[in-house]
Amino acid sequence: HQDLEKLVNEGRFREDLYHRLNVIRIHIPKLAHRSEDIPMLAQHFLARAGKELGVSPKILRPQTTDYMQQLPWPGNVRQLENTCRWLTVMITGRDVYPEDLPSELKQIPIQKSGEQTTTAAGVDRISLHHWDELLGQWAIQKLKNGEMKILDIATPMFERTLINAALQQT
């Protein structure tokens, strides 16, 4: 991933070899500049890793995808692919949360528009806010549909979610 033309001009790469390799130029932007491709690529890599390893593919939670789209990905697509393979092997549950990501990704500062720079350690606050918004939208929809006992519906769902999370960590 180096600018060969620049290296030729600096005398650090053989010009004849450069012309031999430079038949067709293809410019592929860095993954960090194509963050909208990350969810689709990650889903593909998780499915492929699951198939190769004979396990169900992992599923990225929305907050995980959001976080991953903010990362710089210096290793580009190969780094994303290796991360997906790592997740397939190392994560015990099916859903992947930001805290499940490899530690080296959680140390990288990210910038969300309108917010201070944060790391995955600060994602808890963002995730909780996102969860709160989704719960509110769900409640509004249920009330609009005439459902009156939404707490009776939500409580068992909430308890089941917490129990499953606890079981995944034991």
N, C-alpha and C. Protein backbone atom coordinates (compact mmCIF):
# COMPACT_ATOMS: atom_id res chain seq x y z
N HIS A 1 0.82 -1.18 0.00
CA HIS A 1 0.00 0.00 0.00
C HIS A 1 0.87 1.26 0.00
N GLN A 2 1.71 1.33 -0.98
CA GLN A 2 2.59 2.49 -1.08
C GLN A 2 2.42 3.13 -2.45
N ASP A 3 2.72 4.39 -2.52
CA ASP A 3 2.66 5.14 -3.78
C ASP A 3 3.91 4.81 -4.59
N LEU A 4 3.78 3.84 -5.51
CA LEU A 4 4.94 3.39 -6.29
C LEU A 4 5.48 4.49 -7.19
N GLU A 5 4.59 5.30 -7.74
CA GLU A 5 5.04 6.39 -8.61
C GLU A 5 5.96 7.34 -7.83
N LYS A 6 5.58 7.64 -6.61
CA LYS A 6 6.40 8.50 -5.77
C LYS A 6 7.74 7.83 -5.46
N LEU A 7 7.70 6.52 -5.19
CA LEU A 7 8.93 5.79 -4.90
C LEU A 7 9.87 5.76 -6.11
N VAL A 8 9.30 5.65 -7.32
CA VAL A 8 10.12 5.70 -8.54
C VAL A 8 10.80 7.05 -8.65
N ASN A 9 10.04 8.12 -8.43
CA ASN A 9 10.58 9.48 -8.51
C ASN A 9 11.68 9.71 -7.47
N GLU A 10 11.57 9.05 -6.33
CA GLU A 10 12.58 9.17 -5.28
C GLU A 10 13.75 8.22 -5.51
N GLY A 11 13.65 7.36 -6.54
CA GLY A 11 14.70 6.39 -6.82
C GLY A 11 14.71 5.21 -5.87
N ARG A 12 13.59 4.95 -5.22
CA ARG A 12 13.50 3.86 -4.24
C ARG A 12 12.76 2.64 -4.79
N PHE A 13 12.33 2.71 -6.07
CA PHE A 13 11.66 1.58 -6.71
C PHE A 13 12.07 1.57 -8.18
N ARG A 14 12.33 0.39 -8.70
CA ARG A 14 12.81 0.28 -10.08
C ARG A 14 11.74 0.75 -11.07
N GLU A 15 12.12 1.67 -11.95
CA GLU A 15 11.18 2.24 -12.91
C GLU A 15 10.69 1.19 -13.89
N ASP A 16 11.56 0.29 -14.36
CA ASP A 16 11.13 -0.74 -15.31
C ASP A 16 10.10 -1.67 -14.68
N LEU A 17 10.28 -2.01 -13.42
CA LEU A 17 9.32 -2.86 -12.72
C LEU A 17 8.00 -2.12 -12.51
N TYR A 18 8.10 -0.84 -12.22
CA TYR A 18 6.89 -0.02 -12.06
C TYR A 18 6.05 -0.06 -13.33
N HIS A 19 6.68 0.13 -14.50
CA HIS A 19 5.94 0.13 -15.76
C HIS A 19 5.41 -1.26 -16.09
N ARG A 20 6.11 -2.29 -15.66
CA ARG A 20 5.65 -3.66 -15.86
C ARG A 20 4.37 -3.92 -15.05
N LEU A 21 4.34 -3.41 -13.84
CA LEU A 21 3.18 -3.61 -12.96
C LEU A 21 2.03 -2.65 -13.24
N ASN A 22 2.34 -1.53 -13.83
CA ASN A 22 1.36 -0.45 -13.99
C ASN A 22 0.56 -0.58 -15.29
N VAL A 23 0.03 -1.76 -15.56
CA VAL A 23 -0.76 -1.97 -16.77
C VAL A 23 -2.14 -1.36 -16.60
N ILE A 24 -2.78 -1.70 -15.52
CA ILE A 24 -4.12 -1.17 -15.23
C ILE A 24 -4.09 -0.57 -13.83
N ARG A 25 -4.47 0.70 -13.74
CA ARG A 25 -4.50 1.37 -12.44
C ARG A 25 -5.89 1.23 -11.83
N ILE A 26 -5.89 0.78 -10.62
CA ILE A 26 -7.15 0.68 -9.88
C ILE A 26 -6.95 1.43 -8.57
N HIS A 27 -7.78 2.43 -8.36
CA HIS A 27 -7.71 3.17 -7.10
C HIS A 27 -8.82 2.67 -6.18
N ILE A 28 -8.42 2.10 -5.08
CA ILE A 28 -9.38 1.63 -4.08
C ILE A 28 -9.16 2.46 -2.83
N PRO A 29 -10.15 3.27 -2.45
CA PRO A 29 -9.98 4.10 -1.26
C PRO A 29 -9.84 3.26 0.00
N LYS A 30 -9.23 3.83 1.01
CA LYS A 30 -9.08 3.17 2.30
C LYS A 30 -10.46 2.83 2.86
N LEU A 31 -10.52 1.77 3.64
CA LEU A 31 -11.78 1.36 4.26
C LEU A 31 -12.36 2.47 5.13
N ALA A 32 -11.50 3.22 5.79
CA ALA A 32 -11.96 4.33 6.64
C ALA A 32 -12.71 5.38 5.83
N HIS A 33 -12.41 5.48 4.53
CA HIS A 33 -13.10 6.43 3.66
C HIS A 33 -14.36 5.83 3.04
N ARG A 34 -14.60 4.55 3.31
CA ARG A 34 -15.79 3.86 2.80
C ARG A 34 -16.55 3.23 3.96
N SER A 35 -16.76 3.98 5.01
CA SER A 35 -17.36 3.40 6.22
C SER A 35 -18.74 2.82 5.97
N GLU A 36 -19.42 3.31 4.94
CA GLU A 36 -20.75 2.75 4.64
C GLU A 36 -20.67 1.31 4.15
N ASP A 37 -19.49 0.86 3.72
CA ASP A 37 -19.30 -0.52 3.28
C ASP A 37 -19.04 -1.48 4.43
N ILE A 38 -18.69 -0.96 5.58
CA ILE A 38 -18.29 -1.81 6.70
C ILE A 38 -19.38 -2.79 7.14
N PRO A 39 -20.65 -2.38 7.31
CA PRO A 39 -21.66 -3.35 7.73
C PRO A 39 -21.80 -4.52 6.76
N MET A 40 -21.84 -4.23 5.47
CA MET A 40 -22.00 -5.29 4.47
C MET A 40 -20.77 -6.21 4.44
N LEU A 41 -19.59 -5.62 4.47
CA LEU A 41 -18.37 -6.42 4.46
C LEU A 41 -18.26 -7.27 5.72
N ALA A 42 -18.55 -6.68 6.87
CA ALA A 42 -18.47 -7.43 8.13
C ALA A 42 -19.46 -8.59 8.13
N GLN A 43 -20.67 -8.35 7.65
CA GLN A 43 -21.66 -9.42 7.58
C GLN A 43 -21.16 -10.55 6.69
N HIS A 44 -20.58 -10.20 5.55
CA HIS A 44 -20.03 -11.20 4.63
C HIS A 44 -18.91 -12.00 5.30
N PHE A 45 -17.98 -11.30 5.95
CA PHE A 45 -16.85 -11.98 6.58
C PHE A 45 -17.30 -12.84 7.76
N LEU A 46 -18.29 -12.38 8.52
CA LEU A 46 -18.80 -13.18 9.63
C LEU A 46 -19.49 -14.44 9.11
N ALA A 47 -20.26 -14.31 8.03
CA ALA A 47 -20.93 -15.47 7.44
C ALA A 47 -19.90 -16.47 6.91
N ARG A 48 -18.89 -15.97 6.23
CA ARG A 48 -17.87 -16.85 5.67
C ARG A 48 -17.08 -17.56 6.78
N ALA A 49 -16.71 -16.81 7.81
CA ALA A 49 -15.97 -17.42 8.92
C ALA A 49 -16.83 -18.47 9.62
N GLY A 50 -18.10 -18.17 9.81
CA GLY A 50 -19.00 -19.13 10.43
C GLY A 50 -19.11 -20.41 9.62
N LYS A 51 -19.23 -20.25 8.31
CA LYS A 51 -19.34 -21.41 7.42
C LYS A 51 -18.05 -22.23 7.46
N GLU A 52 -16.91 -21.56 7.37
CA GLU A 52 -15.61 -22.26 7.38
C GLU A 52 -15.38 -23.00 8.69
N LEU A 53 -15.84 -22.43 9.79
CA LEU A 53 -15.61 -23.03 11.10
C LEU A 53 -16.77 -23.91 11.56
N GLY A 54 -17.83 -23.98 10.76
CA GLY A 54 -18.96 -24.83 11.08
C GLY A 54 -19.79 -24.34 12.26
N VAL A 55 -19.89 -23.03 12.41
CA VAL A 55 -20.69 -22.44 13.48
C VAL A 55 -21.66 -21.41 12.89
N SER A 56 -22.66 -21.05 13.67
CA SER A 56 -23.59 -20.01 13.23
C SER A 56 -22.85 -18.68 13.13
N PRO A 57 -23.16 -17.89 12.11
CA PRO A 57 -22.47 -16.60 12.00
C PRO A 57 -22.87 -15.65 13.13
N LYS A 58 -21.92 -14.87 13.56
CA LYS A 58 -22.17 -13.86 14.59
C LYS A 58 -22.97 -12.72 13.97
N ILE A 59 -23.68 -11.99 14.83
CA ILE A 59 -24.50 -10.87 14.39
C ILE A 59 -24.01 -9.61 15.11
N LEU A 60 -23.67 -8.59 14.34
CA LEU A 60 -23.24 -7.33 14.93
C LEU A 60 -24.45 -6.54 15.39
N ARG A 61 -24.47 -6.13 16.63
CA ARG A 61 -25.53 -5.27 17.15
C ARG A 61 -25.36 -3.89 16.51
N PRO A 62 -26.44 -3.12 16.37
CA PRO A 62 -26.33 -1.81 15.72
C PRO A 62 -25.28 -0.90 16.34
N GLN A 63 -25.15 -0.91 17.67
CA GLN A 63 -24.16 -0.04 18.30
C GLN A 63 -22.74 -0.50 17.96
N THR A 64 -22.57 -1.78 17.71
CA THR A 64 -21.25 -2.30 17.33
C THR A 64 -20.91 -1.85 15.92
N THR A 65 -21.88 -1.96 15.03
CA THR A 65 -21.68 -1.50 13.65
C THR A 65 -21.37 -0.01 13.64
N ASP A 66 -22.13 0.76 14.42
CA ASP A 66 -21.88 2.21 14.49
C ASP A 66 -20.46 2.49 14.95
N TYR A 67 -20.03 1.77 15.98
CA TYR A 67 -18.67 1.97 16.49
C TYR A 67 -17.63 1.59 15.44
N MET A 68 -17.83 0.44 14.80
CA MET A 68 -16.87 -0.03 13.79
C MET A 68 -16.76 0.93 12.62
N GLN A 69 -17.85 1.61 12.29
CA GLN A 69 -17.82 2.57 11.18
C GLN A 69 -17.03 3.82 11.52
N GLN A 70 -16.76 4.04 12.80
CA GLN A 70 -15.99 5.21 13.22
C GLN A 70 -14.49 4.94 13.29
N LEU A 71 -14.10 3.67 13.22
CA LEU A 71 -12.69 3.30 13.37
C LEU A 71 -11.88 3.63 12.12
N PRO A 72 -10.57 3.89 12.27
CA PRO A 72 -9.74 4.24 11.12
C PRO A 72 -9.32 3.05 10.26
N TRP A 73 -9.36 1.82 10.75
CA TRP A 73 -9.00 0.61 10.02
C TRP A 73 -7.70 0.76 9.24
N PRO A 74 -6.56 0.94 9.93
CA PRO A 74 -5.29 1.10 9.22
C PRO A 74 -4.93 -0.13 8.39
N GLY A 75 -5.43 -1.31 8.77
CA GLY A 75 -5.17 -2.53 8.01
C GLY A 75 -6.19 -2.78 6.91
N ASN A 76 -7.07 -1.81 6.71
CA ASN A 76 -8.09 -1.87 5.66
C ASN A 76 -8.95 -3.12 5.75
N VAL A 77 -9.35 -3.66 4.61
CA VAL A 77 -10.30 -4.77 4.56
C VAL A 77 -9.72 -6.02 5.23
N ARG A 78 -8.43 -6.24 5.10
CA ARG A 78 -7.83 -7.43 5.75
C ARG A 78 -7.99 -7.36 7.26
N GLN A 79 -7.84 -6.18 7.82
CA GLN A 79 -8.01 -6.03 9.27
C GLN A 79 -9.46 -6.31 9.66
N LEU A 80 -10.40 -5.82 8.88
CA LEU A 80 -11.82 -6.09 9.16
C LEU A 80 -12.10 -7.58 9.06
N GLU A 81 -11.57 -8.22 8.02
CA GLU A 81 -11.78 -9.66 7.85
C GLU A 81 -11.20 -10.44 9.03
N ASN A 82 -9.99 -10.10 9.44
CA ASN A 82 -9.37 -10.79 10.58
C ASN A 82 -10.13 -10.53 11.88
N THR A 83 -10.67 -9.33 12.02
CA THR A 83 -11.48 -9.02 13.20
C THR A 83 -12.73 -9.90 13.23
N CYS A 84 -13.37 -10.06 12.08
CA CYS A 84 -14.58 -10.89 12.00
C CYS A 84 -14.26 -12.35 12.30
N ARG A 85 -13.12 -12.82 11.82
CA ARG A 85 -12.70 -14.20 12.12
C ARG A 85 -12.42 -14.33 13.63
N TRP A 86 -11.76 -13.35 14.20
CA TRP A 86 -11.47 -13.36 15.63
C TRP A 86 -12.77 -13.41 16.43
N LEU A 87 -13.75 -12.58 16.04
CA LEU A 87 -15.04 -12.56 16.74
C LEU A 87 -15.72 -13.92 16.66
N THR A 88 -15.65 -14.56 15.50
CA THR A 88 -16.29 -15.86 15.31
C THR A 88 -15.69 -16.90 16.25
N VAL A 89 -14.41 -16.83 16.47
CA VAL A 89 -13.73 -17.80 17.33
C VAL A 89 -13.86 -17.45 18.81
N MET A 90 -13.76 -16.19 19.15
CA MET A 90 -13.61 -15.80 20.55
C MET A 90 -14.91 -15.47 21.29
N ILE A 91 -15.94 -15.04 20.58
CA ILE A 91 -17.17 -14.61 21.25
C ILE A 91 -18.08 -15.82 21.45
N THR A 92 -18.55 -16.01 22.69
CA THR A 92 -19.36 -17.18 22.98
C THR A 92 -20.81 -17.03 22.53
N GLY A 93 -21.37 -15.85 22.64
CA GLY A 93 -22.75 -15.64 22.24
C GLY A 93 -22.85 -15.39 20.75
N ARG A 94 -24.06 -15.20 20.28
CA ARG A 94 -24.25 -14.95 18.85
C ARG A 94 -24.16 -13.46 18.53
N ASP A 95 -24.65 -12.61 19.42
CA ASP A 95 -24.63 -11.17 19.19
C ASP A 95 -23.29 -10.58 19.61
N VAL A 96 -22.81 -9.64 18.80
CA VAL A 96 -21.52 -9.00 19.07
C VAL A 96 -21.78 -7.56 19.50
N TYR A 97 -21.31 -7.22 20.70
CA TYR A 97 -21.45 -5.88 21.26
C TYR A 97 -20.09 -5.18 21.20
N PRO A 98 -20.07 -3.85 21.29
CA PRO A 98 -18.79 -3.13 21.21
C PRO A 98 -17.74 -3.64 22.20
N GLU A 99 -18.18 -4.02 23.39
CA GLU A 99 -17.21 -4.50 24.38
C GLU A 99 -16.61 -5.86 24.00
N ASP A 100 -17.21 -6.55 23.02
CA ASP A 100 -16.68 -7.83 22.55
C ASP A 100 -15.54 -7.68 21.56
N LEU A 101 -15.36 -6.48 21.03
CA LEU A 101 -14.32 -6.27 20.02
C LEU A 101 -12.94 -6.48 20.62
N PRO A 102 -11.96 -6.84 19.79
CA PRO A 102 -10.60 -7.01 20.29
C PRO A 102 -10.12 -5.74 20.99
N SER A 103 -9.31 -5.92 22.01
CA SER A 103 -8.88 -4.78 22.84
C SER A 103 -8.19 -3.69 22.03
N GLU A 104 -7.45 -4.07 20.98
CA GLU A 104 -6.76 -3.03 20.21
C GLU A 104 -7.74 -2.09 19.50
N LEU A 105 -8.93 -2.57 19.19
CA LEU A 105 -9.93 -1.70 18.55
C LEU A 105 -10.62 -0.81 19.58
N LYS A 106 -10.69 -1.24 20.81
CA LYS A 106 -11.35 -0.45 21.85
C LYS A 106 -10.48 0.69 22.34
N GLN A 107 -9.20 0.67 22.00
CA GLN A 107 -8.29 1.72 22.43
C GLN A 107 -8.19 2.85 21.42
N ILE A 108 -8.78 2.66 20.24
CA ILE A 108 -8.66 3.65 19.18
C ILE A 108 -9.69 4.75 19.40
N PRO A 109 -9.26 6.02 19.49
CA PRO A 109 -10.23 7.11 19.65
C PRO A 109 -11.13 7.22 18.42
N ILE A 110 -12.39 7.49 18.66
CA ILE A 110 -13.33 7.70 17.56
C ILE A 110 -13.99 9.05 17.75
N GLN A 111 -14.51 9.59 16.67
CA GLN A 111 -15.18 10.89 16.72
C GLN A 111 -16.58 10.73 16.16
N LYS A 112 -17.57 10.90 17.00
CA LYS A 112 -18.95 10.91 16.53
C LYS A 112 -19.33 12.37 16.33
N SER A 113 -20.08 12.64 15.28
CA SER A 113 -20.42 14.03 14.97
C SER A 113 -21.15 14.67 16.15
N GLY A 114 -20.68 15.85 16.53
CA GLY A 114 -21.32 16.59 17.61
C GLY A 114 -20.96 16.11 19.00
N GLU A 115 -20.05 15.14 19.12
CA GLU A 115 -19.67 14.63 20.43
C GLU A 115 -18.17 14.70 20.58
N GLN A 116 -17.72 14.55 21.80
CA GLN A 116 -16.29 14.51 22.06
C GLN A 116 -15.74 13.17 21.57
N THR A 117 -14.42 13.15 21.38
CA THR A 117 -13.78 11.89 21.03
C THR A 117 -13.97 10.91 22.17
N THR A 118 -14.25 9.65 21.83
CA THR A 118 -14.45 8.63 22.84
C THR A 118 -13.83 7.33 22.36
N THR A 119 -13.77 6.35 23.25
CA THR A 119 -13.33 5.01 22.89
C THR A 119 -14.47 4.07 23.24
N ALA A 120 -14.27 2.78 23.00
CA ALA A 120 -15.33 1.82 23.29
C ALA A 120 -15.71 1.84 24.76
N ALA A 121 -14.80 2.26 25.62
CA ALA A 121 -15.15 2.38 27.04
C ALA A 121 -16.27 3.39 27.23
N GLY A 122 -16.33 4.40 26.36
CA GLY A 122 -17.38 5.40 26.43
C GLY A 122 -18.62 5.03 25.64
N VAL A 123 -18.58 3.89 24.98
CA VAL A 123 -19.72 3.46 24.17
C VAL A 123 -20.89 3.08 25.05
N ASP A 124 -20.63 2.67 26.31
CA ASP A 124 -21.73 2.32 27.21
C ASP A 124 -22.75 3.44 27.29
N ARG A 125 -22.25 4.68 27.44
CA ARG A 125 -23.16 5.83 27.53
C ARG A 125 -23.95 5.99 26.24
N ILE A 126 -23.27 5.86 25.11
CA ILE A 126 -23.94 5.99 23.81
C ILE A 126 -24.94 4.86 23.62
N SER A 127 -24.54 3.63 23.97
CA SER A 127 -25.41 2.47 23.80
C SER A 127 -26.65 2.58 24.67
N LEU A 128 -26.47 3.04 25.91
CA LEU A 128 -27.60 3.18 26.81
C LEU A 128 -28.58 4.21 26.27
N HIS A 129 -28.07 5.31 25.73
CA HIS A 129 -28.93 6.32 25.13
C HIS A 129 -29.67 5.73 23.93
N HIS A 130 -28.98 4.96 23.10
CA HIS A 130 -29.59 4.34 21.93
C HIS A 130 -30.68 3.36 22.37
N TRP A 131 -30.40 2.56 23.40
CA TRP A 131 -31.36 1.60 23.91
C TRP A 131 -32.60 2.32 24.44
N ASP A 132 -32.38 3.41 25.16
CA ASP A 132 -33.47 4.20 25.72
C ASP A 132 -34.37 4.75 24.61
N GLU A 133 -33.75 5.25 23.55
CA GLU A 133 -34.52 5.77 22.41
C GLU A 133 -35.36 4.68 21.77
N LEU A 134 -34.76 3.51 21.54
CA LEU A 134 -35.48 2.40 20.92
C LEU A 134 -36.65 1.93 21.78
N LEU A 135 -36.42 1.86 23.09
CA LEU A 135 -37.50 1.46 23.99
C LEU A 135 -38.65 2.46 23.93
N GLY A 136 -38.31 3.74 23.91
CA GLY A 136 -39.34 4.77 23.79
C GLY A 136 -40.13 4.65 22.49
N GLN A 137 -39.44 4.40 21.39
CA GLN A 137 -40.12 4.23 20.10
C GLN A 137 -41.03 3.01 20.12
N TRP A 138 -40.54 1.92 20.73
CA TRP A 138 -41.33 0.70 20.84
C TRP A 138 -42.60 0.96 21.65
N ALA A 139 -42.46 1.67 22.79
CA ALA A 139 -43.61 1.97 23.65
C ALA A 139 -44.63 2.84 22.92
N ILE A 140 -44.15 3.85 22.23
CA ILE A 140 -45.07 4.73 21.47
C ILE A 140 -45.84 3.93 20.44
N GLN A 141 -45.15 3.04 19.72
CA GLN A 141 -45.82 2.23 18.70
C GLN A 141 -46.87 1.32 19.32
N LYS A 142 -46.54 0.68 20.44
CA LYS A 142 -47.50 -0.20 21.12
C LYS A 142 -48.72 0.60 21.59
N LEU A 143 -48.49 1.78 22.16
CA LEU A 143 -49.60 2.61 22.63
C LEU A 143 -50.46 3.08 21.47
N LYS A 144 -49.85 3.43 20.36
CA LYS A 144 -50.61 3.84 19.17
C LYS A 144 -51.48 2.70 18.66
N ASN A 145 -50.99 1.46 18.84
CA ASN A 145 -51.75 0.30 18.39
C ASN A 145 -52.79 -0.15 19.41
N GLY A 146 -52.95 0.63 20.48
CA GLY A 146 -53.98 0.33 21.47
C GLY A 146 -53.54 -0.62 22.57
N GLU A 147 -52.29 -0.98 22.60
CA GLU A 147 -51.78 -1.88 23.64
C GLU A 147 -51.69 -1.10 24.95
N MET A 148 -52.32 -1.60 26.00
CA MET A 148 -52.35 -0.87 27.26
C MET A 148 -51.41 -1.46 28.31
N LYS A 149 -51.05 -2.71 28.19
CA LYS A 149 -50.23 -3.37 29.22
C LYS A 149 -48.80 -3.56 28.71
N ILE A 150 -48.19 -2.46 28.28
CA ILE A 150 -46.85 -2.59 27.69
C ILE A 150 -45.80 -2.97 28.74
N LEU A 151 -46.01 -2.60 29.99
CA LEU A 151 -45.05 -3.01 31.02
C LEU A 151 -45.08 -4.52 31.21
N ASP A 152 -46.28 -5.11 31.10
CA ASP A 152 -46.39 -6.57 31.21
C ASP A 152 -45.68 -7.28 30.05
N ILE A 153 -45.58 -6.62 28.92
CA ILE A 153 -44.88 -7.18 27.76
C ILE A 153 -43.38 -6.93 27.89
N ALA A 154 -43.02 -5.71 28.28
CA ALA A 154 -41.61 -5.31 28.30
C ALA A 154 -40.82 -5.98 29.42
N THR A 155 -41.43 -6.16 30.58
CA THR A 155 -40.69 -6.70 31.73
C THR A 155 -40.11 -8.09 31.45
N PRO A 156 -40.91 -9.06 30.97
CA PRO A 156 -40.32 -10.37 30.69
C PRO A 156 -39.24 -10.31 29.58
N MET A 157 -39.45 -9.44 28.59
CA MET A 157 -38.45 -9.29 27.53
C MET A 157 -37.15 -8.76 28.12
N PHE A 158 -37.26 -7.75 28.98
CA PHE A 158 -36.09 -7.15 29.62
C PHE A 158 -35.36 -8.19 30.48
N GLU A 159 -36.13 -8.93 31.28
CA GLU A 159 -35.53 -9.95 32.15
C GLU A 159 -34.83 -11.03 31.33
N ARG A 160 -35.46 -11.47 30.24
CA ARG A 160 -34.88 -12.50 29.38
C ARG A 160 -33.57 -12.00 28.76
N THR A 161 -33.55 -10.74 28.34
CA THR A 161 -32.34 -10.16 27.76
C THR A 161 -31.21 -10.14 28.78
N LEU A 162 -31.50 -9.72 30.00
CA LEU A 162 -30.47 -9.68 31.05
C LEU A 162 -30.00 -11.08 31.43
N ILE A 163 -30.92 -12.02 31.51
CA ILE A 163 -30.53 -13.40 31.85
C ILE A 163 -29.63 -13.98 30.76
N ASN A 164 -30.01 -13.78 29.49
CA ASN A 164 -29.19 -14.27 28.38
C ASN A 164 -27.80 -13.64 28.39
N ALA A 165 -27.74 -12.35 28.67
CA ALA A 165 -26.44 -11.68 28.74
C ALA A 165 -25.59 -12.26 29.87
N ALA A 166 -26.21 -12.49 31.02
CA ALA A 166 -25.48 -13.07 32.15
C ALA A 166 -24.99 -14.48 31.82
N LEU A 167 -25.84 -15.26 31.16
CA LEU A 167 -25.44 -16.63 30.79
C LEU A 167 -24.29 -16.63 29.79
N GLN A 168 -24.27 -15.67 28.90
CA GLN A 168 -23.19 -15.60 27.91
C GLN A 168 -21.86 -15.27 28.57
N GLN A 169 -21.89 -14.61 29.70
CA GLN A 169 -20.66 -14.20 30.38
C GLN A 169 -20.18 -15.23 31.40
N THR A 170 -20.94 -16.31 31.58
CA THR A 170 -20.52 -17.33 32.56
C THR A 170 -20.04 -18.57 31.86
